[in-house]
Amino acid sequence: MFYQLIIAAFLIIYAVSHANQSTILLGKKAKKLDKEKRHAYQKGLVTPFLGLGTLFIVISFVLHAEILSPFLVFVLFMLLVTPLLIKISAHQKKYLGSYFEW
């Protein structure tokens, strides 16, 4: 549970840094974009990363409290995470030309 909360905190901090248009956590390709495109790129990533962070927190508490069976939690997690990852990948492709930033 502790590691899930650390990952969730990082994802939320990452989303907040995008919301504040900070360039500290941006990759090399994103830093090379002009200012307007970089702001649009960052604005589009706030919601998915905030959603992922929140989902990690909720799932970790659900698993810890044993509210649902682990299999059902896994299935729900996959169903909820997949659209967010697809949105992030499509957004990366749109602005950076590749699905991943490395």
PDB file of N, CA and C in Angstrom:
ATOM      1  N   MET A   1       0.826  -1.186   0.000  1.00  0.00           N
ATOM      2  CA  MET A   1       0.000   0.000   0.000  1.00  0.00           C
ATOM      3  C   MET A   1       0.872   1.252   0.000  1.00  0.00           C
ATOM      4  N   PHE A   2       1.992   1.184   0.713  1.00  0.00           N
ATOM      5  CA  PHE A   2       2.860   2.351   0.820  1.00  0.00           C
ATOM      6  C   PHE A   2       3.400   2.759  -0.550  1.00  0.00           C
ATOM      7  N   TYR A   3       3.810   1.791  -1.360  1.00  0.00           N
ATOM      8  CA  TYR A   3       4.362   2.096  -2.672  1.00  0.00           C
ATOM      9  C   TYR A   3       3.296   2.649  -3.615  1.00  0.00           C
ATOM     10  N   GLN A   4       2.089   2.143  -3.498  1.00  0.00           N
ATOM     11  CA  GLN A   4       1.008   2.674  -4.321  1.00  0.00           C
ATOM     12  C   GLN A   4       0.732   4.130  -3.977  1.00  0.00           C
ATOM     13  N   LEU A   5       0.804   4.476  -2.705  1.00  0.00           N
ATOM     14  CA  LEU A   5       0.578   5.865  -2.308  1.00  0.00           C
ATOM     15  C   LEU A   5       1.718   6.770  -2.776  1.00  0.00           C
ATOM     16  N   ILE A   6       2.941   6.256  -2.791  1.00  0.00           N
ATOM     17  CA  ILE A   6       4.071   7.043  -3.307  1.00  0.00           C
ATOM     18  C   ILE A   6       3.907   7.289  -4.807  1.00  0.00           C
ATOM     19  N   ILE A   7       3.508   6.256  -5.539  1.00  0.00           N
ATOM     20  CA  ILE A   7       3.271   6.409  -6.976  1.00  0.00           C
ATOM     21  C   ILE A   7       2.134   7.399  -7.206  1.00  0.00           C
ATOM     22  N   ALA A   8       1.075   7.292  -6.417  1.00  0.00           N
ATOM     23  CA  ALA A   8      -0.057   8.208  -6.547  1.00  0.00           C
ATOM     24  C   ALA A   8       0.373   9.642  -6.263  1.00  0.00           C
ATOM     25  N   ALA A   9       1.184   9.836  -5.233  1.00  0.00           N
ATOM     26  CA  ALA A   9       1.660  11.187  -4.907  1.00  0.00           C
ATOM     27  C   ALA A   9       2.502  11.746  -6.047  1.00  0.00           C
ATOM     28  N   PHE A  10       3.359  10.915  -6.638  1.00  0.00           N
ATOM     29  CA  PHE A  10       4.156  11.382  -7.766  1.00  0.00           C
ATOM     30  C   PHE A  10       3.272  11.762  -8.948  1.00  0.00           C
ATOM     31  N   LEU A  11       2.268  10.950  -9.254  1.00  0.00           N
ATOM     32  CA  LEU A  11       1.382  11.257 -10.375  1.00  0.00           C
ATOM     33  C   LEU A  11       0.614  12.554 -10.145  1.00  0.00           C
ATOM     34  N   ILE A  12       0.178  12.781  -8.922  1.00  0.00           N
ATOM     35  CA  ILE A  12      -0.545  14.015  -8.617  1.00  0.00           C
ATOM     36  C   ILE A  12       0.401  15.220  -8.684  1.00  0.00           C
ATOM     37  N   ILE A  13       1.612  15.069  -8.174  1.00  0.00           N
ATOM     38  CA  ILE A  13       2.595  16.153  -8.273  1.00  0.00           C
ATOM     39  C   ILE A  13       2.924  16.434  -9.734  1.00  0.00           C
ATOM     40  N   TYR A  14       3.032  15.385 -10.533  1.00  0.00           N
ATOM     41  CA  TYR A  14       3.295  15.531 -11.964  1.00  0.00           C
ATOM     42  C   TYR A  14       2.147  16.284 -12.640  1.00  0.00           C
ATOM     43  N   ALA A  15       0.909  15.967 -12.274  1.00  0.00           N
ATOM     44  CA  ALA A  15      -0.250  16.663 -12.840  1.00  0.00           C
ATOM     45  C   ALA A  15      -0.258  18.127 -12.419  1.00  0.00           C
ATOM     46  N   VAL A  16       0.061  18.399 -11.164  1.00  0.00           N
ATOM     47  CA  VAL A  16       0.078  19.783 -10.683  1.00  0.00           C
ATOM     48  C   VAL A  16       1.192  20.577 -11.373  1.00  0.00           C
ATOM     49  N   SER A  17       2.332  19.940 -11.611  1.00  0.00           N
ATOM     50  CA  SER A  17       3.409  20.649 -12.311  1.00  0.00           C
ATOM     51  C   SER A  17       3.002  20.980 -13.747  1.00  0.00           C
ATOM     52  N   HIS A  18       2.238  20.097 -14.387  1.00  0.00           N
ATOM     53  CA  HIS A  18       1.718  20.404 -15.720  1.00  0.00           C
ATOM     54  C   HIS A  18       0.685  21.515 -15.650  1.00  0.00           C
ATOM     55  N   ALA A  19      -0.145  21.515 -14.615  1.00  0.00           N
ATOM     56  CA  ALA A  19      -1.155  22.564 -14.478  1.00  0.00           C
ATOM     57  C   ALA A  19      -0.512  23.930 -14.256  1.00  0.00           C
ATOM     58  N   ASN A  20       0.617  23.951 -13.556  1.00  0.00           N
ATOM     59  CA  ASN A  20       1.328  25.208 -13.310  1.00  0.00           C
ATOM     60  C   ASN A  20       2.294  25.565 -14.435  1.00  0.00           C
ATOM     61  N   GLN A  21       2.313  24.774 -15.489  1.00  0.00           N
ATOM     62  CA  GLN A  21       3.149  24.970 -16.668  1.00  0.00           C
ATOM     63  C   GLN A  21       4.633  25.021 -16.318  1.00  0.00           C
ATOM     64  N   SER A  22       5.026  24.188 -15.378  1.00  0.00           N
ATOM     65  CA  SER A  22       6.419  24.080 -14.977  1.00  0.00           C
ATOM     66  C   SER A  22       7.170  23.201 -15.969  1.00  0.00           C
ATOM     67  N   THR A  23       8.437  23.519 -16.207  1.00  0.00           N
ATOM     68  CA  THR A  23       9.240  22.723 -17.138  1.00  0.00           C
ATOM     69  C   THR A  23      10.207  21.803 -16.411  1.00  0.00           C
ATOM     70  N   ILE A  24      10.109  21.717 -15.101  1.00  0.00           N
ATOM     71  CA  ILE A  24      11.053  20.915 -14.322  1.00  0.00           C
ATOM     72  C   ILE A  24      10.935  19.428 -14.647  1.00  0.00           C
ATOM     73  N   LEU A  25       9.730  18.903 -14.733  1.00  0.00           N
ATOM     74  CA  LEU A  25       9.523  17.472 -14.944  1.00  0.00           C
ATOM     75  C   LEU A  25       9.273  17.104 -16.406  1.00  0.00           C
ATOM     76  N   LEU A  26       9.486  18.035 -17.316  1.00  0.00           N
ATOM     77  CA  LEU A  26       9.268  17.748 -18.727  1.00  0.00           C
ATOM     78  C   LEU A  26      10.474  17.045 -19.337  1.00  0.00           C
ATOM     79  N   GLY A  27      10.210  16.246 -20.353  1.00  0.00           N
ATOM     80  CA  GLY A  27      11.273  15.585 -21.080  1.00  0.00           C
ATOM     81  C   GLY A  27      11.918  16.514 -22.094  1.00  0.00           C
ATOM     82  N   LYS A  28      12.947  16.018 -22.755  1.00  0.00           N
ATOM     83  CA  LYS A  28      13.703  16.837 -23.707  1.00  0.00           C
ATOM     84  C   LYS A  28      12.850  17.269 -24.896  1.00  0.00           C
ATOM     85  N   LYS A  29      12.048  16.337 -25.421  1.00  0.00           N
ATOM     86  CA  LYS A  29      11.217  16.668 -26.581  1.00  0.00           C
ATOM     87  C   LYS A  29      10.180  17.735 -26.234  1.00  0.00           C
ATOM     88  N   ALA A  30       9.589  17.637 -25.068  1.00  0.00           N
ATOM     89  CA  ALA A  30       8.557  18.592 -24.672  1.00  0.00           C
ATOM     90  C   ALA A  30       9.151  19.967 -24.397  1.00  0.00           C
ATOM     91  N   LYS A  31      10.366  20.008 -23.885  1.00  0.00           N
ATOM     92  CA  LYS A  31      11.008  21.300 -23.630  1.00  0.00           C
ATOM     93  C   LYS A  31      11.369  22.019 -24.925  1.00  0.00           C
ATOM     94  N   LYS A  32      11.523  21.280 -26.016  1.00  0.00           N
ATOM     95  CA  LYS A  32      11.886  21.887 -27.292  1.00  0.00           C
ATOM     96  C   LYS A  32      10.691  22.501 -28.017  1.00  0.00           C
ATOM     97  N   LEU A  33       9.473  22.196 -27.562  1.00  0.00           N
ATOM     98  CA  LEU A  33       8.282  22.774 -28.190  1.00  0.00           C
ATOM     99  C   LEU A  33       8.238  24.267 -27.929  1.00  0.00           C
ATOM    100  N   ASP A  34       7.599  25.013 -28.868  1.00  0.00           N
ATOM    101  CA  ASP A  34       7.436  26.437 -28.585  1.00  0.00           C
ATOM    102  C   ASP A  34       6.433  26.624 -27.448  1.00  0.00           C
ATOM    103  N   LYS A  35       6.382  27.810 -26.900  1.00  0.00           N
ATOM    104  CA  LYS A  35       5.654  28.058 -25.653  1.00  0.00           C
ATOM    105  C   LYS A  35       4.159  27.710 -25.754  1.00  0.00           C
ATOM    106  N   GLU A  36       3.521  28.097 -26.846  1.00  0.00           N
ATOM    107  CA  GLU A  36       2.083  27.837 -26.984  1.00  0.00           C
ATOM    108  C   GLU A  36       1.787  26.342 -27.079  1.00  0.00           C
ATOM    109  N   LYS A  37       2.574  25.618 -27.873  1.00  0.00           N
ATOM    110  CA  LYS A  37       2.357  24.175 -27.997  1.00  0.00           C
ATOM    111  C   LYS A  37       2.674  23.452 -26.690  1.00  0.00           C
ATOM    112  N   ARG A  38       3.713  23.917 -25.987  1.00  0.00           N
ATOM    113  CA  ARG A  38       4.072  23.288 -24.718  1.00  0.00           C
ATOM    114  C   ARG A  38       2.961  23.471 -23.692  1.00  0.00           C
ATOM    115  N   HIS A  39       2.356  24.666 -23.665  1.00  0.00           N
ATOM    116  CA  HIS A  39       1.253  24.890 -22.725  1.00  0.00           C
ATOM    117  C   HIS A  39       0.038  24.033 -23.075  1.00  0.00           C
ATOM    118  N   ALA A  40      -0.251  23.894 -24.356  1.00  0.00           N
ATOM    119  CA  ALA A  40      -1.361  23.028 -24.777  1.00  0.00           C
ATOM    120  C   ALA A  40      -1.058  21.572 -24.455  1.00  0.00           C
ATOM    121  N   TYR A  41       0.187  21.179 -24.654  1.00  0.00           N
ATOM    122  CA  TYR A  41       0.621  19.810 -24.330  1.00  0.00           C
ATOM    123  C   TYR A  41       0.453  19.541 -22.842  1.00  0.00           C
ATOM    124  N   GLN A  42       0.913  20.477 -22.010  1.00  0.00           N
ATOM    125  CA  GLN A  42       0.824  20.290 -20.566  1.00  0.00           C
ATOM    126  C   GLN A  42      -0.628  20.321 -20.089  1.00  0.00           C
ATOM    127  N   LYS A  43      -1.430  21.202 -20.653  1.00  0.00           N
ATOM    128  CA  LYS A  43      -2.833  21.310 -20.250  1.00  0.00           C
ATOM    129  C   LYS A  43      -3.589  20.008 -20.520  1.00  0.00           C
ATOM    130  N   GLY A  44      -3.249  19.337 -21.608  1.00  0.00           N
ATOM    131  CA  GLY A  44      -3.923  18.092 -21.958  1.00  0.00           C
ATOM    132  C   GLY A  44      -3.530  16.906 -21.095  1.00  0.00           C
ATOM    133  N   LEU A  45      -2.427  17.022 -20.361  1.00  0.00           N
ATOM    134  CA  LEU A  45      -1.979  15.907 -19.531  1.00  0.00           C
ATOM    135  C   LEU A  45      -2.384  16.029 -18.065  1.00  0.00           C
ATOM    136  N   VAL A  46      -2.964  17.138 -17.677  1.00  0.00           N
ATOM    137  CA  VAL A  46      -3.335  17.341 -16.266  1.00  0.00           C
ATOM    138  C   VAL A  46      -4.397  16.333 -15.834  1.00  0.00           C
ATOM    139  N   THR A  47      -5.477  16.256 -16.566  1.00  0.00           N
ATOM    140  CA  THR A  47      -6.594  15.388 -16.174  1.00  0.00           C
ATOM    141  C   THR A  47      -6.228  13.899 -16.137  1.00  0.00           C
ATOM    142  N   PRO A  48      -5.550  13.348 -17.162  1.00  0.00           N
ATOM    143  CA  PRO A  48      -5.221  11.920 -17.080  1.00  0.00           C
ATOM    144  C   PRO A  48      -4.295  11.572 -15.916  1.00  0.00           C
ATOM    145  N   PHE A  49      -3.280  12.394 -15.670  1.00  0.00           N
ATOM    146  CA  PHE A  49      -2.361  12.082 -14.576  1.00  0.00           C
ATOM    147  C   PHE A  49      -3.012  12.289 -13.216  1.00  0.00           C
ATOM    148  N   LEU A  50      -3.868  13.284 -13.097  1.00  0.00           N
ATOM    149  CA  LEU A  50      -4.613  13.479 -11.855  1.00  0.00           C
ATOM    150  C   LEU A  50      -5.567  12.308 -11.625  1.00  0.00           C
ATOM    151  N   GLY A  51      -6.201  11.841 -12.698  1.00  0.00           N
ATOM    152  CA  GLY A  51      -7.072  10.671 -12.602  1.00  0.00           C
ATOM    153  C   GLY A  51      -6.321   9.414 -12.207  1.00  0.00           C
ATOM    154  N   LEU A  52      -5.124   9.226 -12.785  1.00  0.00           N
ATOM    155  CA  LEU A  52      -4.324   8.061 -12.423  1.00  0.00           C
ATOM    156  C   LEU A  52      -3.902   8.109 -10.952  1.00  0.00           C
ATOM    157  N   GLY A  53      -3.477   9.279 -10.494  1.00  0.00           N
ATOM    158  CA  GLY A  53      -3.072   9.413  -9.095  1.00  0.00           C
ATOM    159  C   GLY A  53      -4.216   9.144  -8.143  1.00  0.00           C
ATOM    160  N   THR A  54      -5.373   9.707  -8.436  1.00  0.00           N
ATOM    161  CA  THR A  54      -6.548   9.483  -7.598  1.00  0.00           C
ATOM    162  C   THR A  54      -6.965   8.023  -7.618  1.00  0.00           C
ATOM    163  N   LEU A  55      -6.910   7.421  -8.794  1.00  0.00           N
ATOM    164  CA  LEU A  55      -7.275   6.009  -8.913  1.00  0.00           C
ATOM    165  C   LEU A  55      -6.326   5.118  -8.119  1.00  0.00           C
ATOM    166  N   PHE A  56      -5.052   5.421  -8.135  1.00  0.00           N
ATOM    167  CA  PHE A  56      -4.092   4.646  -7.340  1.00  0.00           C
ATOM    168  C   PHE A  56      -4.422   4.743  -5.853  1.00  0.00           C
ATOM    169  N   ILE A  57      -4.772   5.931  -5.385  1.00  0.00           N
ATOM    170  CA  ILE A  57      -5.118   6.101  -3.971  1.00  0.00           C
ATOM    171  C   ILE A  57      -6.367   5.301  -3.619  1.00  0.00           C
ATOM    172  N   VAL A  58      -7.396   5.422  -4.428  1.00  0.00           N
ATOM    173  CA  VAL A  58      -8.660   4.723  -4.152  1.00  0.00           C
ATOM    174  C   VAL A  58      -8.450   3.208  -4.181  1.00  0.00           C
ATOM    175  N   ILE A  59      -7.746   2.723  -5.186  1.00  0.00           N
ATOM    176  CA  ILE A  59      -7.518   1.280  -5.300  1.00  0.00           C
ATOM    177  C   ILE A  59      -6.698   0.755  -4.128  1.00  0.00           C
ATOM    178  N   SER A  60      -5.707   1.520  -3.690  1.00  0.00           N
ATOM    179  CA  SER A  60      -4.893   1.047  -2.564  1.00  0.00           C
ATOM    180  C   SER A  60      -5.721   0.951  -1.288  1.00  0.00           C
ATOM    181  N   PHE A  61      -6.625   1.905  -1.067  1.00  0.00           N
ATOM    182  CA  PHE A  61      -7.473   1.819   0.122  1.00  0.00           C
ATOM    183  C   PHE A  61      -8.512   0.707   0.005  1.00  0.00           C
ATOM    184  N   VAL A  62      -9.030   0.482  -1.189  1.00  0.00           N
ATOM    185  CA  VAL A  62      -9.988  -0.611  -1.395  1.00  0.00           C
ATOM    186  C   VAL A  62      -9.310  -1.957  -1.147  1.00  0.00           C
ATOM    187  N   LEU A  63      -8.082  -2.112  -1.628  1.00  0.00           N
ATOM    188  CA  LEU A  63      -7.356  -3.360  -1.386  1.00  0.00           C
ATOM    189  C   LEU A  63      -7.007  -3.543   0.086  1.00  0.00           C
ATOM    190  N   HIS A  64      -6.619  -2.458   0.732  1.00  0.00           N
ATOM    191  CA  HIS A  64      -6.240  -2.547   2.143  1.00  0.00           C
ATOM    192  C   HIS A  64      -7.451  -2.864   3.028  1.00  0.00           C
ATOM    193  N   ALA A  65      -8.601  -2.280   2.714  1.00  0.00           N
ATOM    194  CA  ALA A  65      -9.807  -2.514   3.510  1.00  0.00           C
ATOM    195  C   ALA A  65     -10.523  -3.806   3.120  1.00  0.00           C
ATOM    196  N   GLU A  66     -10.071  -4.445   2.046  1.00  0.00           N
ATOM    197  CA  GLU A  66     -10.659  -5.688   1.548  1.00  0.00           C
ATOM    198  C   GLU A  66     -12.162  -5.555   1.295  1.00  0.00           C
ATOM    199  N   ILE A  67     -12.534  -4.454   0.663  1.00  0.00           N
ATOM    200  CA  ILE A  67     -13.938  -4.206   0.336  1.00  0.00           C
ATOM    201  C   ILE A  67     -14.386  -5.099  -0.813  1.00  0.00           C
ATOM    202  N   LEU A  68     -13.535  -5.243  -1.819  1.00  0.00           N
ATOM    203  CA  LEU A  68     -13.827  -6.089  -2.971  1.00  0.00           C
ATOM    204  C   LEU A  68     -12.762  -7.173  -3.081  1.00  0.00           C
ATOM    205  N   SER A  69     -13.075  -8.202  -3.837  1.00  0.00           N
ATOM    206  CA  SER A  69     -12.081  -9.264  -4.041  1.00  0.00           C
ATOM    207  C   SER A  69     -10.926  -8.724  -4.889  1.00  0.00           C
ATOM    208  N   PRO A  70      -9.734  -9.247  -4.689  1.00  0.00           N
ATOM    209  CA  PRO A  70      -8.588  -8.765  -5.469  1.00  0.00           C
ATOM    210  C   PRO A  70      -8.768  -8.903  -6.979  1.00  0.00           C
ATOM    211  N   PHE A  71      -9.417  -9.975  -7.413  1.00  0.00           N
ATOM    212  CA  PHE A  71      -9.645 -10.151  -8.843  1.00  0.00           C
ATOM    213  C   PHE A  71     -10.545  -9.052  -9.389  1.00  0.00           C
ATOM    214  N   LEU A  72     -11.624  -8.740  -8.687  1.00  0.00           N
ATOM    215  CA  LEU A  72     -12.538  -7.695  -9.130  1.00  0.00           C
ATOM    216  C   LEU A  72     -11.845  -6.335  -9.122  1.00  0.00           C
ATOM    217  N   VAL A  73     -11.013  -6.080  -8.121  1.00  0.00           N
ATOM    218  CA  VAL A  73     -10.262  -4.823  -8.063  1.00  0.00           C
ATOM    219  C   VAL A  73      -9.317  -4.732  -9.254  1.00  0.00           C
ATOM    220  N   PHE A  74      -8.654  -5.837  -9.587  1.00  0.00           N
ATOM    221  CA  PHE A  74      -7.747  -5.855 -10.736  1.00  0.00           C
ATOM    222  C   PHE A  74      -8.495  -5.565 -12.031  1.00  0.00           C
ATOM    223  N   VAL A  75      -9.647  -6.195 -12.217  1.00  0.00           N
ATOM    224  CA  VAL A  75     -10.426  -5.978 -13.434  1.00  0.00           C
ATOM    225  C   VAL A  75     -10.902  -4.528 -13.513  1.00  0.00           C
ATOM    226  N   LEU A  76     -11.417  -3.995 -12.414  1.00  0.00           N
ATOM    227  CA  LEU A  76     -11.855  -2.597 -12.398  1.00  0.00           C
ATOM    228  C   LEU A  76     -10.689  -1.652 -12.658  1.00  0.00           C
ATOM    229  N   PHE A  77      -9.549  -1.956 -12.058  1.00  0.00           N
ATOM    230  CA  PHE A  77      -8.365  -1.130 -12.253  1.00  0.00           C
ATOM    231  C   PHE A  77      -7.964  -1.092 -13.724  1.00  0.00           C
ATOM    232  N   MET A  78      -7.941  -2.244 -14.362  1.00  0.00           N
ATOM    233  CA  MET A  78      -7.578  -2.302 -15.779  1.00  0.00           C
ATOM    234  C   MET A  78      -8.588  -1.561 -16.651  1.00  0.00           C
ATOM    235  N   LEU A  79      -9.865  -1.711 -16.319  1.00  0.00           N
ATOM    236  CA  LEU A  79     -10.897  -1.018 -17.092  1.00  0.00           C
ATOM    237  C   LEU A  79     -10.824   0.490 -16.942  1.00  0.00           C
ATOM    238  N   LEU A  80     -10.419   0.965 -15.778  1.00  0.00           N
ATOM    239  CA  LEU A  80     -10.352   2.401 -15.546  1.00  0.00           C
ATOM    240  C   LEU A  80      -9.025   3.015 -15.982  1.00  0.00           C
ATOM    241  N   VAL A  81      -7.957   2.248 -15.940  1.00  0.00           N
ATOM    242  CA  VAL A  81      -6.633   2.768 -16.299  1.00  0.00           C
ATOM    243  C   VAL A  81      -6.413   2.777 -17.808  1.00  0.00           C
ATOM    244  N   THR A  82      -6.932   1.806 -18.514  1.00  0.00           N
ATOM    245  CA  THR A  82      -6.685   1.692 -19.944  1.00  0.00           C
ATOM    246  C   THR A  82      -7.082   2.940 -20.732  1.00  0.00           C
ATOM    247  N   PRO A  83      -8.275   3.512 -20.540  1.00  0.00           N
ATOM    248  CA  PRO A  83      -8.597   4.739 -21.293  1.00  0.00           C
ATOM    249  C   PRO A  83      -7.674   5.912 -20.952  1.00  0.00           C
ATOM    250  N   LEU A  84      -7.238   5.999 -19.697  1.00  0.00           N
ATOM    251  CA  LEU A  84      -6.333   7.078 -19.324  1.00  0.00           C
ATOM    252  C   LEU A  84      -4.981   6.920 -20.003  1.00  0.00           C
ATOM    253  N   LEU A  85      -4.476   5.694 -20.057  1.00  0.00           N
ATOM    254  CA  LEU A  85      -3.199   5.453 -20.722  1.00  0.00           C
ATOM    255  C   LEU A  85      -3.301   5.680 -22.228  1.00  0.00           C
ATOM    256  N   ILE A  86      -4.434   5.334 -22.813  1.00  0.00           N
ATOM    257  CA  ILE A  86      -4.647   5.586 -24.235  1.00  0.00           C
ATOM    258  C   ILE A  86      -4.685   7.084 -24.504  1.00  0.00           C
ATOM    259  N   LYS A  87      -5.347   7.840 -23.627  1.00  0.00           N
ATOM    260  CA  LYS A  87      -5.404   9.297 -23.785  1.00  0.00           C
ATOM    261  C   LYS A  87      -4.014   9.913 -23.674  1.00  0.00           C
ATOM    262  N   ILE A  88      -3.224   9.457 -22.710  1.00  0.00           N
ATOM    263  CA  ILE A  88      -1.867   9.975 -22.553  1.00  0.00           C
ATOM    264  C   ILE A  88      -1.023   9.641 -23.782  1.00  0.00           C
ATOM    265  N   SER A  89      -1.112   8.404 -24.266  1.00  0.00           N
ATOM    266  CA  SER A  89      -0.332   7.996 -25.441  1.00  0.00           C
ATOM    267  C   SER A  89      -0.735   8.766 -26.688  1.00  0.00           C
ATOM    268  N   ALA A  90      -2.030   8.958 -26.890  1.00  0.00           N
ATOM    269  CA  ALA A  90      -2.500   9.710 -28.056  1.00  0.00           C
ATOM    270  C   ALA A  90      -2.062  11.173 -27.971  1.00  0.00           C
ATOM    271  N   HIS A  91      -2.081  11.719 -26.786  1.00  0.00           N
ATOM    272  CA  HIS A  91      -1.659  13.103 -26.586  1.00  0.00           C
ATOM    273  C   HIS A  91      -0.156  13.245 -26.858  1.00  0.00           C
ATOM    274  N   GLN A  92       0.620  12.279 -26.402  1.00  0.00           N
ATOM    275  CA  GLN A  92       2.058  12.279 -26.663  1.00  0.00           C
ATOM    276  C   GLN A  92       2.322  12.223 -28.173  1.00  0.00           C
ATOM    277  N   LYS A  93       1.593  11.337 -28.856  1.00  0.00           N
ATOM    278  CA  LYS A  93       1.769  11.179 -30.301  1.00  0.00           C
ATOM    279  C   LYS A  93       1.414  12.474 -31.030  1.00  0.00           C
ATOM    280  N   LYS A  94       0.369  13.128 -30.588  1.00  0.00           N
ATOM    281  CA  LYS A  94      -0.093  14.347 -31.244  1.00  0.00           C
ATOM    282  C   LYS A  94       0.945  15.466 -31.143  1.00  0.00           C
ATOM    283  N   TYR A  95       1.531  15.645 -29.984  1.00  0.00           N
ATOM    284  CA  TYR A  95       2.424  16.786 -29.776  1.00  0.00           C
ATOM    285  C   TYR A  95       3.903  16.459 -29.954  1.00  0.00           C
ATOM    286  N   LEU A  96       4.314  15.242 -29.639  1.00  0.00           N
ATOM    287  CA  LEU A  96       5.741  14.920 -29.676  1.00  0.00           C
ATOM    288  C   LEU A  96       6.136  14.010 -30.828  1.00  0.00           C
ATOM    289  N   GLY A  97       5.153  13.407 -31.486  1.00  0.00           N
ATOM    290  CA  GLY A  97       5.458  12.551 -32.621  1.00  0.00           C
ATOM    291  C   GLY A  97       5.724  11.102 -32.276  1.00  0.00           C
ATOM    292  N   SER A  98       5.736  10.765 -31.004  1.00  0.00           N
ATOM    293  CA  SER A  98       5.913   9.372 -30.595  1.00  0.00           C
ATOM    294  C   SER A  98       5.008   9.097 -29.386  1.00  0.00           C
ATOM    295  N   TYR A  99       4.728   7.833 -29.160  1.00  0.00           N
ATOM    296  CA  TYR A  99       3.823   7.491 -28.082  1.00  0.00           C
ATOM    297  C   TYR A  99       4.462   7.635 -26.699  1.00  0.00           C
ATOM    298  N   PHE A 100       5.771   7.590 -26.646  1.00  0.00           N
ATOM    299  CA  PHE A 100       6.481   7.715 -25.377  1.00  0.00           C
ATOM    300  C   PHE A 100       7.508   8.820 -25.518  1.00  0.00           C
ATOM    301  N   GLU A 101       7.860   9.415 -24.408  1.00  0.00           N
ATOM    302  CA  GLU A 101       8.710  10.592 -24.462  1.00  0.00           C
ATOM    303  C   GLU A 101      10.202  10.271 -24.485  1.00  0.00           C
ATOM    304  N   TRP A 102      10.581   9.042 -24.266  1.00  0.00           N
ATOM    305  CA  TRP A 102      12.012   8.749 -24.250  1.00  0.00           C
ATOM    306  C   TRP A 102      12.541   8.417 -25.616  1.00  0.00           C
TER     307      TRP A 102
END
